[in-house]
C-alpha atoms as a PDB file:
ATOM      1  CA  MET A   1     -23.120  40.228  23.728  1.00  0.00           C
ATOM      2  CA  THR A   2     -24.937  37.773  20.812  1.00  0.00           C
ATOM      3  CA  ILE A   3     -24.138  33.605  21.012  1.00  0.00           C
ATOM      4  CA  ARG A   4     -23.516  32.483  17.524  1.00  0.00           C
ATOM      5  CA  ALA A   5     -22.319  28.696  16.331  1.00  0.00           C
ATOM      6  CA  VAL A   6     -19.046  29.014  15.081  1.00  0.00           C
ATOM      7  CA  VAL A   7     -17.219  26.835  12.848  1.00  0.00           C
ATOM      8  CA  LYS A   8     -14.716  25.237  14.612  1.00  0.00           C
ATOM      9  CA  GLY A   9     -13.440  22.597  12.355  1.00  0.00           C
ATOM     10  CA  VAL A  10     -14.347  20.525   9.211  1.00  0.00           C
ATOM     11  CA  GLY A  11     -13.022  17.070   7.734  1.00  0.00           C
ATOM     12  CA  HIS A  12     -14.637  14.750   4.878  1.00  0.00           C
ATOM     13  CA  TYR A  13     -14.063  11.836   4.008  1.00  0.00           C
ATOM     14  CA  LEU A  14     -14.619   9.416  -0.075  1.00  0.00           C
ATOM     15  CA  PRO A  15     -14.047   6.043  -0.036  1.00  0.00           C
ATOM     16  CA  GLU A  16     -10.991   4.195  -1.621  1.00  0.00           C
ATOM     17  CA  ARG A  17     -13.062   2.441  -4.530  1.00  0.00           C
ATOM     18  CA  VAL A  18     -13.335   5.156  -7.706  1.00  0.00           C
ATOM     19  CA  MET A  19     -15.705   4.299 -10.518  1.00  0.00           C
ATOM     20  CA  GLN A  20     -14.787   6.238 -13.634  1.00  0.00           C
ATOM     21  CA  ASN A  21     -17.798   7.023 -16.456  1.00  0.00           C
ATOM     22  CA  ALA A  22     -16.372   5.307 -18.452  1.00  0.00           C
ATOM     23  CA  GLU A  23     -17.389   1.838 -16.450  1.00  0.00           C
ATOM     24  CA  PHE A  24     -20.760   2.415 -17.012  1.00  0.00           C
ATOM     25  CA  GLU A  25     -20.420   1.989 -20.614  1.00  0.00           C
ATOM     26  CA  SER A  26     -20.352  -2.074 -19.780  1.00  0.00           C
ATOM     27  CA  PHE A  27     -23.640  -1.904 -18.380  1.00  0.00           C
ATOM     28  CA  VAL A  28     -26.065   0.739 -19.087  1.00  0.00           C
ATOM     29  CA  ALA A  29     -26.498   2.979 -22.654  1.00  0.00           C
ATOM     30  CA  THR A  30     -24.095   5.810 -21.845  1.00  0.00           C
ATOM     31  CA  SER A  31     -21.064   7.025 -22.075  1.00  0.00           C
ATOM     32  CA  ASP A  32     -18.737   9.209 -20.610  1.00  0.00           C
ATOM     33  CA  GLU A  33     -19.058  12.196 -22.789  1.00  0.00           C
ATOM     34  CA  TRP A  34     -22.756  12.229 -22.295  1.00  0.00           C
ATOM     35  CA  ILE A  35     -22.496  12.098 -18.654  1.00  0.00           C
ATOM     36  CA  ARG A  36     -19.930  15.343 -18.421  1.00  0.00           C
ATOM     37  CA  SER A  37     -21.978  17.128 -20.639  1.00  0.00           C
ATOM     38  CA  ARG A  38     -25.109  16.628 -18.606  1.00  0.00           C
ATOM     39  CA  SER A  39     -24.292  16.346 -15.093  1.00  0.00           C
ATOM     40  CA  GLY A  40     -20.011  17.495 -15.551  1.00  0.00           C
ATOM     41  CA  ILE A  41     -19.426  14.251 -13.141  1.00  0.00           C
ATOM     42  CA  GLU A  42     -16.085  12.658 -13.753  1.00  0.00           C
ATOM     43  CA  ARG A  43     -16.210   9.867 -11.478  1.00  0.00           C
ATOM     44  CA  ARG A  44     -17.571   8.987  -8.177  1.00  0.00           C
ATOM     45  CA  HIS A  45     -16.314   6.972  -5.440  1.00  0.00           C
ATOM     46  CA  ILE A  46     -18.399   3.729  -4.279  1.00  0.00           C
ATOM     47  CA  ALA A  47     -18.412   2.182  -0.877  1.00  0.00           C
ATOM     48  CA  ALA A  48     -16.805  -1.044   0.210  1.00  0.00           C
ATOM     49  CA  GLU A  49     -18.927  -4.138   0.665  1.00  0.00           C
ATOM     50  CA  GLY A  50     -19.455  -4.270   4.846  1.00  0.00           C
ATOM     51  CA  GLN A  51     -18.794  -0.628   4.635  1.00  0.00           C
ATOM     52  CA  SER A  52     -21.601   1.583   5.940  1.00  0.00           C
ATOM     53  CA  THR A  53     -22.739   4.941   6.332  1.00  0.00           C
ATOM     54  CA  SER A  54     -21.659   5.618   9.791  1.00  0.00           C
ATOM     55  CA  ASP A  55     -18.011   3.951   9.072  1.00  0.00           C
ATOM     56  CA  LEU A  56     -18.140   6.976   6.508  1.00  0.00           C
ATOM     57  CA  ALA A  57     -19.162   9.141   8.897  1.00  0.00           C
ATOM     58  CA  ALA A  58     -16.729   8.208  12.051  1.00  0.00           C
ATOM     59  CA  ARG A  59     -14.309   8.948   9.790  1.00  0.00           C
ATOM     60  CA  ALA A  60     -15.150  12.473   8.783  1.00  0.00           C
ATOM     61  CA  ALA A  61     -16.036  13.322  12.017  1.00  0.00           C
ATOM     62  CA  ARG A  62     -12.494  12.388  12.999  1.00  0.00           C
ATOM     63  CA  ALA A  63     -11.147  14.552  10.294  1.00  0.00           C
ATOM     64  CA  ALA A  64     -13.218  17.455  11.398  1.00  0.00           C
ATOM     65  CA  LEU A  65     -12.260  17.263  14.886  1.00  0.00           C
ATOM     66  CA  ALA A  66      -8.947  16.846  14.089  1.00  0.00           C
ATOM     67  CA  ASP A  67      -8.719  19.885  11.957  1.00  0.00           C
ATOM     68  CA  ALA A  68     -10.646  21.661  15.398  1.00  0.00           C
ATOM     69  CA  GLY A  69      -8.106  20.070  17.402  1.00  0.00           C
ATOM     70  CA  ILE A  70     -10.209  18.740  20.298  1.00  0.00           C
ATOM     71  CA  GLU A  71     -11.251  15.218  21.407  1.00  0.00           C
ATOM     72  CA  ALA A  72     -14.334  13.925  21.004  1.00  0.00           C
ATOM     73  CA  GLU A  73     -15.151  14.185  24.778  1.00  0.00           C
ATOM     74  CA  THR A  74     -15.571  17.498  24.240  1.00  0.00           C
ATOM     75  CA  VAL A  75     -18.646  17.236  21.950  1.00  0.00           C
ATOM     76  CA  ASP A  76     -21.971  17.776  23.644  1.00  0.00           C
ATOM     77  CA  ALA A  77     -24.314  15.859  20.899  1.00  0.00           C
ATOM     78  CA  ILE A  78     -24.089  14.599  17.112  1.00  0.00           C
ATOM     79  CA  ILE A  79     -26.518  14.950  14.758  1.00  0.00           C
ATOM     80  CA  LEU A  80     -26.303  13.620  11.095  1.00  0.00           C
ATOM     81  CA  ALA A  81     -27.999  13.973   8.311  1.00  0.00           C
ATOM     82  CA  THR A  82     -28.674  10.823   6.179  1.00  0.00           C
ATOM     83  CA  SER A  83     -31.198   8.868   4.054  1.00  0.00           C
ATOM     84  CA  THR A  84     -28.994   5.785   3.983  1.00  0.00           C
ATOM     85  CA  PRO A  85     -28.425   4.981   7.839  1.00  0.00           C
ATOM     86  CA  ASP A  86     -27.140   1.717   8.605  1.00  0.00           C
ATOM     87  CA  LEU A  87     -30.323  -0.299  10.230  1.00  0.00           C
ATOM     88  CA  THR A  88     -34.198   1.023  10.690  1.00  0.00           C
ATOM     89  CA  PHE A  89     -32.593   1.674  14.061  1.00  0.00           C
ATOM     90  CA  PRO A  90     -31.228   2.821  16.490  1.00  0.00           C
ATOM     91  CA  SER A  91     -30.006   6.518  15.075  1.00  0.00           C
ATOM     92  CA  ALA A  92     -26.621   6.627  12.689  1.00  0.00           C
ATOM     93  CA  ALA A  93     -25.372   9.160  14.547  1.00  0.00           C
ATOM     94  CA  THR A  94     -25.512   6.803  18.060  1.00  0.00           C
ATOM     95  CA  MET A  95     -22.859   4.279  16.190  1.00  0.00           C
ATOM     96  CA  VAL A  96     -20.825   7.056  14.991  1.00  0.00           C
ATOM     97  CA  GLN A  97     -20.848   7.731  19.105  1.00  0.00           C
ATOM     98  CA  ARG A  98     -20.111   5.114  19.839  1.00  0.00           C
ATOM     99  CA  GLU A  99     -17.316   4.792  17.307  1.00  0.00           C
ATOM    100  CA  LEU A 100     -15.595   7.938  18.382  1.00  0.00           C
ATOM    101  CA  GLY A 101     -15.474   6.706  22.325  1.00  0.00           C
ATOM    102  CA  MET A 102     -18.449   9.446  23.464  1.00  0.00           C
ATOM    103  CA  THR A 103     -20.129   7.868  26.500  1.00  0.00           C
ATOM    104  CA  HIS A 104     -22.147  11.095  27.433  1.00  0.00           C
ATOM    105  CA  GLY A 105     -24.526  13.365  25.768  1.00  0.00           C
ATOM    106  CA  PHE A 106     -26.901  13.288  22.924  1.00  0.00           C
ATOM    107  CA  ALA A 107     -27.087  11.929  18.810  1.00  0.00           C
ATOM    108  CA  PHE A 108     -29.678  11.577  17.040  1.00  0.00           C
ATOM    109  CA  ASP A 109     -30.580  11.457  12.644  1.00  0.00           C
ATOM    110  CA  VAL A 110     -31.773  14.325  10.411  1.00  0.00           C
ATOM    111  CA  GLN A 111     -33.615  12.693   7.088  1.00  0.00           C
ATOM    112  CA  ALA A 112     -34.246  15.303   4.953  1.00  0.00           C
ATOM    113  CA  VAL A 113     -32.479  13.715   1.791  1.00  0.00           C
ATOM    114  CA  CYS A 114     -30.288  16.287  -0.106  1.00  0.00           C
ATOM    115  CA  ALA A 115     -31.029  18.867   1.686  1.00  0.00           C
ATOM    116  CA  GLY A 116     -30.149  17.222   5.569  1.00  0.00           C
ATOM    117  CA  PHE A 117     -27.188  18.241   6.033  1.00  0.00           C
ATOM    118  CA  VAL A 118     -28.313  22.127   6.107  1.00  0.00           C
ATOM    119  CA  TYR A 119     -31.655  21.002   8.193  1.00  0.00           C
ATOM    120  CA  ALA A 120     -28.872  19.573  10.765  1.00  0.00           C
ATOM    121  CA  LEU A 121     -26.737  22.847  10.364  1.00  0.00           C
ATOM    122  CA  THR A 122     -29.927  24.594  11.159  1.00  0.00           C
ATOM    123  CA  THR A 123     -31.005  22.292  14.356  1.00  0.00           C
ATOM    124  CA  ALA A 124     -27.527  22.344  15.384  1.00  0.00           C
ATOM    125  CA  ASN A 125     -27.787  26.148  15.709  1.00  0.00           C
ATOM    126  CA  ALA A 126     -30.861  26.442  17.338  1.00  0.00           C
ATOM    127  CA  MET A 127     -29.462  24.073  19.940  1.00  0.00           C
ATOM    128  CA  ILE A 128     -26.258  25.818  20.710  1.00  0.00           C
ATOM    129  CA  LEU A 129     -28.433  29.336  20.490  1.00  0.00           C
ATOM    130  CA  THR A 130     -30.951  28.102  23.451  1.00  0.00           C
ATOM    131  CA  GLY A 131     -28.286  26.307  25.271  1.00  0.00           C
ATOM    132  CA  GLN A 132     -29.062  22.846  24.652  1.00  0.00           C
ATOM    133  CA  ALA A 133     -24.992  22.203  23.838  1.00  0.00           C
ATOM    134  CA  LYS A 134     -21.753  24.149  23.695  1.00  0.00           C
ATOM    135  CA  ARG A 135     -20.459  22.125  20.963  1.00  0.00           C
ATOM    136  CA  VAL A 136     -21.749  20.311  18.246  1.00  0.00           C
ATOM    137  CA  LEU A 137     -20.836  17.074  15.675  1.00  0.00           C
ATOM    138  CA  VAL A 138     -22.678  17.707  12.158  1.00  0.00           C
ATOM    139  CA  ILE A 139     -22.023  15.097   9.700  1.00  0.00           C
ATOM    140  CA  GLY A 140     -23.572  14.482   6.101  1.00  0.00           C
ATOM    141  CA  ALA A 141     -22.775  10.714   5.432  1.00  0.00           C
ATOM    142  CA  GLU A 142     -24.555   8.931   2.560  1.00  0.00           C
ATOM    143  CA  THR A 143     -24.302   5.195   1.078  1.00  0.00           C
ATOM    144  CA  PHE A 144     -26.079   5.968  -2.225  1.00  0.00           C
ATOM    145  CA  SER A 145     -24.792   3.244  -3.904  1.00  0.00           C
ATOM    146  CA  ARG A 146     -27.042   0.916  -2.090  1.00  0.00           C
ATOM    147  CA  ILE A 147     -30.473   2.565  -3.522  1.00  0.00           C
ATOM    148  CA  ILE A 148     -29.280   3.113  -7.331  1.00  0.00           C
ATOM    149  CA  ASP A 149     -30.988   1.002  -9.726  1.00  0.00           C
ATOM    150  CA  TRP A 150     -28.188   0.065 -11.957  1.00  0.00           C
ATOM    151  CA  THR A 151     -30.193  -0.534 -15.310  1.00  0.00           C
ATOM    152  CA  ASP A 152     -31.283   3.041 -14.998  1.00  0.00           C
ATOM    153  CA  ARG A 153     -29.270   5.145 -17.064  1.00  0.00           C
ATOM    154  CA  THR A 154     -30.826   8.486 -16.164  1.00  0.00           C
ATOM    155  CA  THR A 155     -30.169   8.082 -11.866  1.00  0.00           C
ATOM    156  CA  CYS A 156     -27.312   5.362 -11.856  1.00  0.00           C
ATOM    157  CA  VAL A 157     -24.540   7.743 -12.957  1.00  0.00           C
ATOM    158  CA  LEU A 158     -24.920  10.879 -11.242  1.00  0.00           C
ATOM    159  CA  PHE A 159     -25.047   9.630  -7.430  1.00  0.00           C
ATOM    160  CA  GLY A 160     -21.861   8.464  -5.273  1.00  0.00           C
ATOM    161  CA  ASP A 161     -21.184   7.435  -1.800  1.00  0.00           C
ATOM    162  CA  GLY A 162     -19.247  10.038   1.313  1.00  0.00           C
ATOM    163  CA  ALA A 163     -19.167  11.792   3.946  1.00  0.00           C
ATOM    164  CA  GLY A 164     -18.360  15.266   5.426  1.00  0.00           C
ATOM    165  CA  ALA A 165     -18.719  16.704   9.202  1.00  0.00           C
ATOM    166  CA  LEU A 166     -17.992  20.139  10.749  1.00  0.00           C
ATOM    167  CA  VAL A 167     -17.928  20.841  14.689  1.00  0.00           C
ATOM    168  CA  LEU A 168     -19.712  23.904  15.565  1.00  0.00           C
ATOM    169  CA  GLU A 169     -19.614  26.018  18.728  1.00  0.00           C
ATOM    170  CA  ALA A 170     -20.662  28.961  20.433  1.00  0.00           C
ATOM    171  CA  ALA A 171     -18.924  31.756  20.610  1.00  0.00           C
ATOM    172  CA  GLU A 172     -19.874  35.481  21.790  1.00  0.00           C
ATOM    173  CA  GLY A 173     -20.285  37.974  18.783  1.00  0.00           C
ATOM    174  CA  ASP A 174     -21.489  41.256  18.526  1.00  0.00           C
ATOM    175  CA  GLY A 175     -24.949  40.571  16.446  1.00  0.00           C
ATOM    176  CA  SER A 176     -23.985  42.090  14.029  1.00  0.00           C
ATOM    177  CA  SER A 177     -23.368  40.552  10.129  1.00  0.00           C
ATOM    178  CA  ALA A 178     -19.791  40.627  10.352  1.00  0.00           C
ATOM    179  CA  ASP A 179     -19.716  38.301  13.232  1.00  0.00           C
ATOM    180  CA  ARG A 180     -18.024  35.153  12.867  1.00  0.00           C
ATOM    181  CA  GLY A 181     -20.502  31.579  12.600  1.00  0.00           C
ATOM    182  CA  ILE A 182     -23.902  31.090  11.566  1.00  0.00           C
ATOM    183  CA  LEU A 183     -25.911  34.449  10.352  1.00  0.00           C
ATOM    184  CA  SER A 184     -29.180  32.865   8.968  1.00  0.00           C
ATOM    185  CA  ALA A 185     -30.987  29.995   7.560  1.00  0.00           C
ATOM    186  CA  ASP A 186     -34.148  29.774   5.354  1.00  0.00           C
ATOM    187  CA  LEU A 187     -35.879  25.992   5.481  1.00  0.00           C
ATOM    188  CA  ASN A 188     -38.826  24.618   2.994  1.00  0.00           C
ATOM    189  CA  SER A 189     -40.514  21.589   2.145  1.00  0.00           C
ATOM    190  CA  ASP A 190     -43.672  21.126   0.064  1.00  0.00           C
ATOM    191  CA  GLY A 191     -44.955  17.393  -0.523  1.00  0.00           C
ATOM    192  CA  ARG A 192     -47.011  17.867  -3.161  1.00  0.00           C
ATOM    193  CA  HIS A 193     -43.885  16.993  -5.316  1.00  0.00           C
ATOM    194  CA  ARG A 194     -42.994  13.673  -3.466  1.00  0.00           C
ATOM    195  CA  GLU A 195     -43.526  12.011  -7.450  1.00  0.00           C
ATOM    196  CA  ILE A 196     -40.449  13.775  -8.997  1.00  0.00           C
ATOM    197  CA  LEU A 197     -37.627  12.418  -6.601  1.00  0.00           C
ATOM    198  CA  TYR A 198     -38.552   9.514  -4.475  1.00  0.00           C
ATOM    199  CA  VAL A 199     -37.024   6.102  -3.423  1.00  0.00           C
ATOM    200  CA  ASP A 200     -40.233   3.812  -4.126  1.00  0.00           C
ATOM    201  CA  GLY A 201     -39.278   1.600  -0.761  1.00  0.00           C
ATOM    202  CA  GLY A 202     -39.316   1.727   2.714  1.00  0.00           C
ATOM    203  CA  VAL A 203     -39.792   0.124   6.393  1.00  0.00           C
ATOM    204  CA  SER A 204     -43.658  -0.367   6.037  1.00  0.00           C
ATOM    205  CA  THR A 205     -43.527  -1.496   2.397  1.00  0.00           C
ATOM    206  CA  GLY A 206     -41.654  -4.518   3.073  1.00  0.00           C
ATOM    207  CA  THR A 207     -38.696  -3.309   0.775  1.00  0.00           C
ATOM    208  CA  THR A 208     -35.758  -1.211   0.460  1.00  0.00           C
ATOM    209  CA  GLY A 209     -36.585   0.296  -3.376  1.00  0.00           C
ATOM    210  CA  HIS A 210     -35.005   2.132  -5.529  1.00  0.00           C
ATOM    211  CA  LEU A 211     -33.758   5.804  -6.412  1.00  0.00           C
ATOM    212  CA  ARG A 212     -36.948   7.022  -8.735  1.00  0.00           C
ATOM    213  CA  MET A 213     -36.191  10.851 -10.489  1.00  0.00           C
ATOM    214  CA  GLU A 214     -38.057  13.012 -13.303  1.00  0.00           C
ATOM    215  CA  GLY A 215     -34.989  14.939 -14.041  1.00  0.00           C
ATOM    216  CA  ARG A 216     -36.444  17.362 -15.882  1.00  0.00           C
ATOM    217  CA  GLU A 217     -39.082  18.601 -13.566  1.00  0.00           C
ATOM    218  CA  VAL A 218     -35.852  18.395 -10.340  1.00  0.00           C
ATOM    219  CA  PHE A 219     -34.053  20.467 -12.477  1.00  0.00           C
ATOM    220  CA  ARG A 220     -37.028  23.253 -12.701  1.00  0.00           C
ATOM    221  CA  HIS A 221     -37.170  23.559  -8.945  1.00  0.00           C
ATOM    222  CA  ALA A 222     -34.312  23.124  -8.114  1.00  0.00           C
ATOM    223  CA  VAL A 223     -32.704  26.313  -9.886  1.00  0.00           C
ATOM    224  CA  GLU A 224     -36.042  28.360  -9.080  1.00  0.00           C
ATOM    225  CA  LYS A 225     -36.189  27.539  -5.255  1.00  0.00           C
ATOM    226  CA  LEU A 226     -32.257  27.251  -4.521  1.00  0.00           C
ATOM    227  CA  ALA A 227     -31.910  30.963  -5.655  1.00  0.00           C
ATOM    228  CA  GLN A 228     -35.130  32.024  -3.995  1.00  0.00           C
ATOM    229  CA  THR A 229     -33.932  30.636  -0.985  1.00  0.00           C
ATOM    230  CA  ALA A 230     -30.452  31.894  -1.190  1.00  0.00           C
ATOM    231  CA  HIS A 231     -32.201  35.250  -1.206  1.00  0.00           C
ATOM    232  CA  LEU A 232     -34.538  34.981   1.414  1.00  0.00           C
ATOM    233  CA  SER A 233     -31.437  33.653   3.786  1.00  0.00           C
ATOM    234  CA  LEU A 234     -29.033  37.066   3.010  1.00  0.00           C
ATOM    235  CA  GLU A 235     -32.255  38.721   3.446  1.00  0.00           C
ATOM    236  CA  LYS A 236     -32.872  37.646   7.100  1.00  0.00           C
ATOM    237  CA  ALA A 237     -29.184  38.586   7.201  1.00  0.00           C
ATOM    238  CA  GLY A 238     -29.405  42.078   5.770  1.00  0.00           C
ATOM    239  CA  LEU A 239     -26.722  41.506   3.334  1.00  0.00           C
ATOM    240  CA  GLY A 240     -27.153  40.716  -0.276  1.00  0.00           C
ATOM    241  CA  PRO A 241     -25.245  38.633  -3.300  1.00  0.00           C
ATOM    242  CA  GLU A 242     -22.545  41.045  -3.921  1.00  0.00           C
ATOM    243  CA  ASP A 243     -21.387  40.248   0.090  1.00  0.00           C
ATOM    244  CA  ILE A 244     -20.820  36.325  -0.576  1.00  0.00           C
ATOM    245  CA  ASP A 245     -17.180  35.410  -0.682  1.00  0.00           C
ATOM    246  CA  TRP A 246     -18.261  32.011  -1.544  1.00  0.00           C
ATOM    247  CA  VAL A 247     -21.322  29.992  -2.395  1.00  0.00           C
ATOM    248  CA  VAL A 248     -21.431  26.236  -1.636  1.00  0.00           C
ATOM    249  CA  PRO A 249     -23.841  24.572  -3.444  1.00  0.00           C
ATOM    250  CA  HIS A 250     -25.119  21.130  -2.758  1.00  0.00           C
ATOM    251  CA  GLN A 251     -23.381  19.411  -5.599  1.00  0.00           C
ATOM    252  CA  ALA A 252     -25.958  17.281  -7.704  1.00  0.00           C
ATOM    253  CA  ASN A 253     -25.708  18.480 -10.947  1.00  0.00           C
ATOM    254  CA  ILE A 254     -23.492  21.309 -12.749  1.00  0.00           C
ATOM    255  CA  ARG A 255     -25.699  22.720 -14.862  1.00  0.00           C
ATOM    256  CA  ILE A 256     -27.901  23.266 -11.668  1.00  0.00           C
ATOM    257  CA  ILE A 257     -25.038  24.796  -9.666  1.00  0.00           C
ATOM    258  CA  GLN A 258     -24.501  27.135 -12.641  1.00  0.00           C
ATOM    259  CA  ALA A 259     -28.113  28.170 -13.912  1.00  0.00           C
ATOM    260  CA  THR A 260     -28.665  28.798  -9.531  1.00  0.00           C
ATOM    261  CA  ALA A 261     -25.282  30.945  -9.374  1.00  0.00           C
ATOM    262  CA  LYS A 262     -26.431  32.939 -12.581  1.00  0.00           C
ATOM    263  CA  LYS A 263     -30.024  33.823 -10.843  1.00  0.00           C
ATOM    264  CA  LEU A 264     -27.824  35.125  -7.872  1.00  0.00           C
ATOM    265  CA  GLY A 265     -25.940  37.373 -10.226  1.00  0.00           C
ATOM    266  CA  LEU A 266     -22.406  35.725  -9.621  1.00  0.00           C
ATOM    267  CA  SER A 267     -19.795  34.083 -11.609  1.00  0.00           C
ATOM    268  CA  MET A 268     -18.516  30.902 -10.918  1.00  0.00           C
ATOM    269  CA  ASP A 269     -15.336  31.821 -10.049  1.00  0.00           C
ATOM    270  CA  ARG A 270     -17.426  32.435  -6.271  1.00  0.00           C
ATOM    271  CA  VAL A 271     -18.453  28.950  -6.565  1.00  0.00           C
ATOM    272  CA  VAL A 272     -17.094  26.461  -4.468  1.00  0.00           C
ATOM    273  CA  VAL A 273     -17.164  23.091  -7.038  1.00  0.00           C
ATOM    274  CA  THR A 274     -16.562  19.543  -6.400  1.00  0.00           C
ATOM    275  CA  VAL A 275     -18.878  17.328  -8.348  1.00  0.00           C
ATOM    276  CA  GLN A 276     -17.121  16.413 -10.939  1.00  0.00           C
ATOM    277  CA  ASP A 277     -14.912  14.395  -8.350  1.00  0.00           C
ATOM    278  CA  HIS A 278     -17.553  12.532  -6.187  1.00  0.00           C
ATOM    279  CA  GLY A 279     -21.038  13.244  -7.802  1.00  0.00           C
ATOM    280  CA  ASN A 280     -23.921  13.160  -6.206  1.00  0.00           C
ATOM    281  CA  THR A 281     -23.793  12.493  -2.409  1.00  0.00           C
ATOM    282  CA  SER A 282     -27.210  14.152  -0.935  1.00  0.00           C
ATOM    283  CA  ALA A 283     -26.954  14.887   2.772  1.00  0.00           C
ATOM    284  CA  ALA A 284     -22.487  14.338   2.389  1.00  0.00           C
ATOM    285  CA  SER A 285     -22.336  16.906  -0.603  1.00  0.00           C
ATOM    286  CA  ILE A 286     -22.410  20.202   1.212  1.00  0.00           C
ATOM    287  CA  PRO A 287     -19.714  19.481   4.065  1.00  0.00           C
ATOM    288  CA  LEU A 288     -17.818  17.458   1.555  1.00  0.00           C
ATOM    289  CA  ALA A 289     -17.321  20.632  -0.332  1.00  0.00           C
ATOM    290  CA  LEU A 290     -16.560  22.967   2.882  1.00  0.00           C
ATOM    291  CA  SER A 291     -13.937  20.576   3.767  1.00  0.00           C
ATOM    292  CA  VAL A 292     -12.413  20.551  -0.054  1.00  0.00           C
ATOM    293  CA  GLY A 293     -12.737  24.257  -0.007  1.00  0.00           C
ATOM    294  CA  GLN A 294     -10.546  24.946   3.336  1.00  0.00           C
ATOM    295  CA  ALA A 295      -8.005  22.630   2.009  1.00  0.00           C
ATOM    296  CA  ARG A 296      -8.189  24.259  -1.468  1.00  0.00           C
ATOM    297  CA  GLY A 297      -7.467  27.474   0.151  1.00  0.00           C
ATOM    298  CA  GLN A 298     -10.872  28.883  -1.332  1.00  0.00           C
ATOM    299  CA  ILE A 299     -12.975  29.159   2.453  1.00  0.00           C
ATOM    300  CA  LYS A 300     -10.891  31.339   4.416  1.00  0.00           C
ATOM    301  CA  ARG A 301     -11.224  32.995   7.949  1.00  0.00           C
ATOM    302  CA  GLY A 302     -13.856  35.430   7.679  1.00  0.00           C
ATOM    303  CA  ASP A 303     -15.440  34.707   4.124  1.00  0.00           C
ATOM    304  CA  LEU A 304     -19.123  35.082   4.058  1.00  0.00           C
ATOM    305  CA  VAL A 305     -20.378  31.394   2.794  1.00  0.00           C
ATOM    306  CA  VAL A 306     -23.847  30.913   1.669  1.00  0.00           C
ATOM    307  CA  THR A 307     -24.635  27.179   1.382  1.00  0.00           C
ATOM    308  CA  GLU A 308     -28.219  25.748  -0.264  1.00  0.00           C
ATOM    309  CA  ALA A 309     -29.679  22.405  -1.368  1.00  0.00           C
ATOM    310  CA  ILE A 310     -32.721  21.044  -2.524  1.00  0.00           C
ATOM    311  CA  GLY A 311     -33.518  17.112  -2.291  1.00  0.00           C
ATOM    312  CA  GLY A 312     -36.954  14.687  -2.184  1.00  0.00           C
ATOM    313  CA  GLY A 313     -39.953  15.761  -0.062  1.00  0.00           C
ATOM    314  CA  LEU A 314     -39.824  18.366  -2.043  1.00  0.00           C
ATOM    315  CA  ALA A 315     -37.223  19.870   0.508  1.00  0.00           C
ATOM    316  CA  TRP A 316     -35.324  22.591   0.463  1.00  0.00           C
ATOM    317  CA  GLY A 317     -32.674  25.411   2.817  1.00  0.00           C
ATOM    318  CA  SER A 318     -30.217  27.453   2.546  1.00  0.00           C
ATOM    319  CA  LEU A 319     -27.614  29.092   5.206  1.00  0.00           C
ATOM    320  CA  VAL A 320     -25.833  31.884   5.689  1.00  0.00           C
ATOM    321  CA  LEU A 321     -22.718  31.808   7.402  1.00  0.00           C
ATOM    322  CA  ARG A 322     -19.461  33.517   8.410  1.00  0.00           C
ATOM    323  CA  TRP A 323     -16.693  31.171   8.233  1.00  0.00           C
END
């Protein structure tokens, strides 16, 4: 018998405010055509004034719990991936815990920017395999609109706000790649590349700061590293690209998604794409895409799914799971 961390339910939430590409034309030198052709993004959602990351996260969590058909009191832990928490402390995860009415278990945040959800899932998987928890709520949530420089046309058009969540629970498997649940993961980081994607502020600097990015360098690293980490995760699981039913990538840029799929030898009809509807939501984008992919009827029970993401740090990784 082998213990696996199996997906029990999935859900997401997007703020009501939708910002179309054309809105940017009034305050930066850009156009709908320029944004679409370079990123694939058509619109993004923006959190309302007073709406925090934990608010979005709690809504996505409730949707995932409802999809799983369980109550919050049956969850042992909450892991929230975010780079835009409500406060310096306490963690946004504990705020979600309070909002869900949980008075037991434990909750904490994980910060690995756009790779955060892969890191959080890997952490939850380890806790389930070691018996630390039997059921974990894993959330990715961001309010990147709060750290965007709205005068920088190269970055302000790319990002949006949102949240997605998964419920993972312990289940028995036979130890083969046919098991449902998380089969393998691969995590990486390289701090030498900080300058190509970072926020120029933080608690110890005394400022909030804004997101800064060297787009061409990020693209170059992303395509190479995402394909490499996906291959490594598949190899660890004893599988290959031909076994993949769906790739659910970090939804950063359609060109990165297309180039990575090509390197994996996969056609785009095996890739879940949602970037056009919500832009880059950082740690929220993979759970958002998983939830949308299931709702569309693309991802079905038993499908082999590969997720991969890269973000500031640089930090990147991938995960193989059977739905």
